[in-house]
């Protein structure tokens, strides 16, 4: 997903790691995709949770603490 969204869609490429000549970082183009892509991702994940998994709503801390103390882990 990182390769397709950041690399192909947003044209953001990190320099290769390791030895050799350092390569420059290429910045996202067009710049407004930096705002649009995370916004759309948040909306899609919110719709999925709201429609398919309402038990997953919220921040999850209370459910984690309850599972640890009452549910055996």
N, C-alpha and C. Protein backbone atom coordinates (compact mmCIF):
# COMPACT_ATOMS: atom_id res chain seq x y z
N UNK A 1 0.82 -1.18 0.00
CA UNK A 1 0.00 0.00 0.00
C UNK A 1 0.87 1.26 0.00
N UNK A 2 1.96 1.21 0.76
CA UNK A 2 2.84 2.38 0.80
C UNK A 2 3.40 2.67 -0.59
N UNK A 3 3.80 1.61 -1.29
CA UNK A 3 4.37 1.80 -2.62
C UNK A 3 3.35 2.40 -3.58
N UNK A 4 2.11 1.91 -3.52
CA UNK A 4 1.10 2.38 -4.47
C UNK A 4 0.57 3.77 -4.13
N UNK A 5 0.27 4.00 -2.85
CA UNK A 5 -0.31 5.29 -2.48
C UNK A 5 0.76 6.38 -2.44
N UNK A 6 1.83 6.14 -1.69
CA UNK A 6 2.85 7.18 -1.58
C UNK A 6 3.71 7.28 -2.84
N UNK A 7 4.09 6.15 -3.39
CA UNK A 7 4.98 6.17 -4.54
C UNK A 7 4.29 6.47 -5.85
N UNK A 8 3.28 5.69 -6.20
CA UNK A 8 2.65 5.84 -7.51
C UNK A 8 1.64 6.99 -7.55
N UNK A 9 0.80 7.10 -6.53
CA UNK A 9 -0.23 8.13 -6.56
C UNK A 9 0.32 9.50 -6.21
N UNK A 10 1.12 9.58 -5.14
CA UNK A 10 1.59 10.88 -4.66
C UNK A 10 3.00 11.23 -5.13
N UNK A 11 3.68 10.33 -5.80
CA UNK A 11 5.03 10.56 -6.33
C UNK A 11 6.04 10.90 -5.24
N UNK A 12 5.92 10.28 -4.06
CA UNK A 12 6.86 10.48 -2.97
C UNK A 12 7.79 9.28 -2.93
N UNK A 13 9.07 9.52 -3.11
CA UNK A 13 10.05 8.44 -3.11
C UNK A 13 11.17 8.79 -2.14
N UNK A 14 11.41 7.87 -1.20
CA UNK A 14 12.48 8.06 -0.23
C UNK A 14 13.78 7.58 -0.85
N UNK A 15 14.90 8.14 -0.40
CA UNK A 15 16.18 7.70 -0.94
C UNK A 15 16.47 6.27 -0.52
N UNK A 16 17.18 5.51 -1.34
CA UNK A 16 17.52 4.14 -0.97
C UNK A 16 18.48 4.12 0.21
N UNK A 17 18.33 3.11 1.07
CA UNK A 17 19.22 2.99 2.21
C UNK A 17 20.41 2.11 1.82
N UNK A 18 21.48 2.24 2.55
CA UNK A 18 22.67 1.44 2.28
C UNK A 18 23.78 2.31 1.72
N UNK A 19 24.78 1.63 1.24
CA UNK A 19 25.93 2.34 0.71
C UNK A 19 25.69 2.79 -0.72
N UNK A 20 26.48 3.72 -1.13
CA UNK A 20 26.33 4.24 -2.48
C UNK A 20 26.07 5.73 -2.46
N UNK A 21 25.82 6.25 -3.63
CA UNK A 21 25.55 7.67 -3.76
C UNK A 21 24.21 8.03 -3.16
N UNK A 22 24.15 9.03 -2.28
CA UNK A 22 22.84 9.40 -1.73
C UNK A 22 21.93 10.00 -2.80
N UNK A 23 20.68 9.64 -2.74
CA UNK A 23 19.69 10.14 -3.68
C UNK A 23 18.79 11.14 -2.98
N UNK A 24 18.34 12.17 -3.67
CA UNK A 24 17.46 13.14 -3.02
C UNK A 24 16.06 12.58 -2.81
N UNK A 25 15.38 13.14 -1.82
CA UNK A 25 13.99 12.79 -1.57
C UNK A 25 13.13 13.54 -2.58
N UNK A 26 12.17 12.84 -3.19
CA UNK A 26 11.23 13.54 -4.08
C UNK A 26 9.97 13.82 -3.28
N UNK A 27 9.47 15.00 -3.39
CA UNK A 27 8.32 15.42 -2.61
C UNK A 27 7.03 15.16 -3.36
N UNK A 28 5.92 15.02 -2.61
CA UNK A 28 4.64 14.71 -3.24
C UNK A 28 4.23 15.74 -4.27
N UNK A 29 3.61 15.24 -5.33
CA UNK A 29 3.09 16.10 -6.37
C UNK A 29 1.77 15.53 -6.83
N UNK A 30 0.73 16.20 -6.94
CA UNK A 30 0.51 17.57 -6.48
C UNK A 30 0.39 17.63 -4.96
N UNK A 31 0.71 18.76 -4.39
CA UNK A 31 0.81 18.91 -2.94
C UNK A 31 -0.51 18.65 -2.23
N UNK A 32 -1.64 18.93 -2.86
CA UNK A 32 -2.94 18.79 -2.18
C UNK A 32 -3.31 17.34 -1.93
N UNK A 33 -2.62 16.40 -2.57
CA UNK A 33 -2.87 14.99 -2.28
C UNK A 33 -2.43 14.63 -0.87
N UNK A 34 -1.49 15.40 -0.31
CA UNK A 34 -1.06 15.17 1.07
C UNK A 34 -2.23 15.37 2.03
N UNK A 35 -3.14 16.26 1.70
CA UNK A 35 -4.33 16.49 2.51
C UNK A 35 -5.47 15.56 2.13
N UNK A 36 -5.63 15.29 0.86
CA UNK A 36 -6.77 14.53 0.37
C UNK A 36 -6.69 13.04 0.71
N UNK A 37 -5.55 12.41 0.52
CA UNK A 37 -5.43 10.96 0.70
C UNK A 37 -5.69 10.54 2.15
N UNK A 38 -5.08 11.17 3.16
CA UNK A 38 -5.42 10.77 4.54
C UNK A 38 -6.87 11.07 4.91
N UNK A 39 -7.43 12.14 4.38
CA UNK A 39 -8.82 12.46 4.65
C UNK A 39 -9.74 11.39 4.09
N UNK A 40 -9.51 10.98 2.86
CA UNK A 40 -10.33 9.92 2.26
C UNK A 40 -10.14 8.60 3.00
N UNK A 41 -8.92 8.30 3.41
CA UNK A 41 -8.67 7.08 4.17
C UNK A 41 -9.41 7.07 5.50
N UNK A 42 -9.43 8.20 6.18
CA UNK A 42 -10.17 8.30 7.43
C UNK A 42 -11.66 8.15 7.24
N UNK A 43 -12.19 8.76 6.18
CA UNK A 43 -13.62 8.64 5.90
C UNK A 43 -14.01 7.20 5.56
N UNK A 44 -13.19 6.54 4.75
CA UNK A 44 -13.48 5.15 4.37
C UNK A 44 -13.42 4.23 5.59
N UNK A 45 -12.39 4.39 6.42
CA UNK A 45 -12.29 3.52 7.60
C UNK A 45 -13.41 3.83 8.59
N UNK A 46 -13.82 5.09 8.71
CA UNK A 46 -14.95 5.42 9.57
C UNK A 46 -16.24 4.81 9.09
N UNK A 47 -16.47 4.84 7.78
CA UNK A 47 -17.67 4.22 7.23
C UNK A 47 -17.68 2.71 7.43
N UNK A 48 -16.52 2.09 7.28
CA UNK A 48 -16.43 0.64 7.48
C UNK A 48 -16.75 0.28 8.93
N UNK A 49 -16.16 1.01 9.87
CA UNK A 49 -16.41 0.73 11.29
C UNK A 49 -17.87 1.01 11.63
N UNK A 50 -18.41 2.10 11.12
CA UNK A 50 -19.79 2.47 11.44
C UNK A 50 -20.78 1.46 10.90
N UNK A 51 -20.53 0.95 9.69
CA UNK A 51 -21.51 0.06 9.08
C UNK A 51 -21.26 -1.43 9.37
N UNK A 52 -20.02 -1.87 9.38
CA UNK A 52 -19.74 -3.30 9.52
C UNK A 52 -19.30 -3.72 10.92
N UNK A 53 -18.72 -2.81 11.69
CA UNK A 53 -18.22 -3.20 13.01
C UNK A 53 -18.48 -2.16 14.07
N UNK A 54 -19.74 -1.93 14.42
CA UNK A 54 -20.03 -0.88 15.40
C UNK A 54 -19.42 -1.16 16.78
N UNK A 55 -19.08 -2.42 17.07
CA UNK A 55 -18.45 -2.71 18.36
C UNK A 55 -17.03 -2.17 18.44
N UNK A 56 -16.45 -1.79 17.32
CA UNK A 56 -15.10 -1.26 17.28
C UNK A 56 -15.05 0.26 17.40
N UNK A 57 -16.20 0.90 17.58
CA UNK A 57 -16.22 2.37 17.70
C UNK A 57 -15.53 2.80 18.98
N UNK A 58 -15.04 4.03 18.97
CA UNK A 58 -14.38 4.59 20.14
C UNK A 58 -12.88 4.42 20.06
N UNK A 59 -12.21 4.83 21.13
CA UNK A 59 -10.75 4.79 21.11
C UNK A 59 -10.20 3.44 21.51
N UNK A 60 -10.97 2.59 22.17
CA UNK A 60 -10.56 1.22 22.45
C UNK A 60 -9.83 1.01 23.76
N UNK A 61 -9.46 2.09 24.46
CA UNK A 61 -8.72 1.93 25.71
C UNK A 61 -9.55 1.23 26.77
N UNK A 62 -10.82 1.62 26.91
CA UNK A 62 -11.69 0.98 27.91
C UNK A 62 -11.86 -0.51 27.62
N UNK A 63 -12.04 -0.86 26.37
CA UNK A 63 -12.20 -2.27 26.01
C UNK A 63 -10.93 -3.06 26.29
N UNK A 64 -9.78 -2.47 26.08
CA UNK A 64 -8.52 -3.14 26.34
C UNK A 64 -8.33 -3.36 27.83
N UNK A 65 -8.63 -2.36 28.65
CA UNK A 65 -8.50 -2.50 30.09
C UNK A 65 -9.48 -3.54 30.62
N UNK A 66 -10.71 -3.53 30.12
CA UNK A 66 -11.71 -4.52 30.54
C UNK A 66 -11.27 -5.92 30.16
N UNK A 67 -10.74 -6.10 28.97
CA UNK A 67 -10.27 -7.42 28.54
C UNK A 67 -9.11 -7.90 29.40
N UNK A 68 -8.25 -7.00 29.81
CA UNK A 68 -7.10 -7.39 30.62
C UNK A 68 -7.52 -7.80 32.02
N UNK A 69 -8.38 -6.99 32.66
CA UNK A 69 -8.74 -7.25 34.05
C UNK A 69 -9.83 -8.31 34.21
N UNK A 70 -10.81 -8.32 33.33
CA UNK A 70 -11.95 -9.23 33.50
C UNK A 70 -11.93 -10.42 32.56
N UNK A 71 -11.31 -10.27 31.42
CA UNK A 71 -11.37 -11.32 30.42
C UNK A 71 -10.14 -12.21 30.39
N UNK A 72 -9.20 -12.01 31.26
CA UNK A 72 -8.03 -12.87 31.29
C UNK A 72 -6.98 -12.51 30.25
N UNK A 73 -7.00 -11.30 29.79
CA UNK A 73 -5.92 -10.90 28.93
C UNK A 73 -6.31 -10.42 27.60
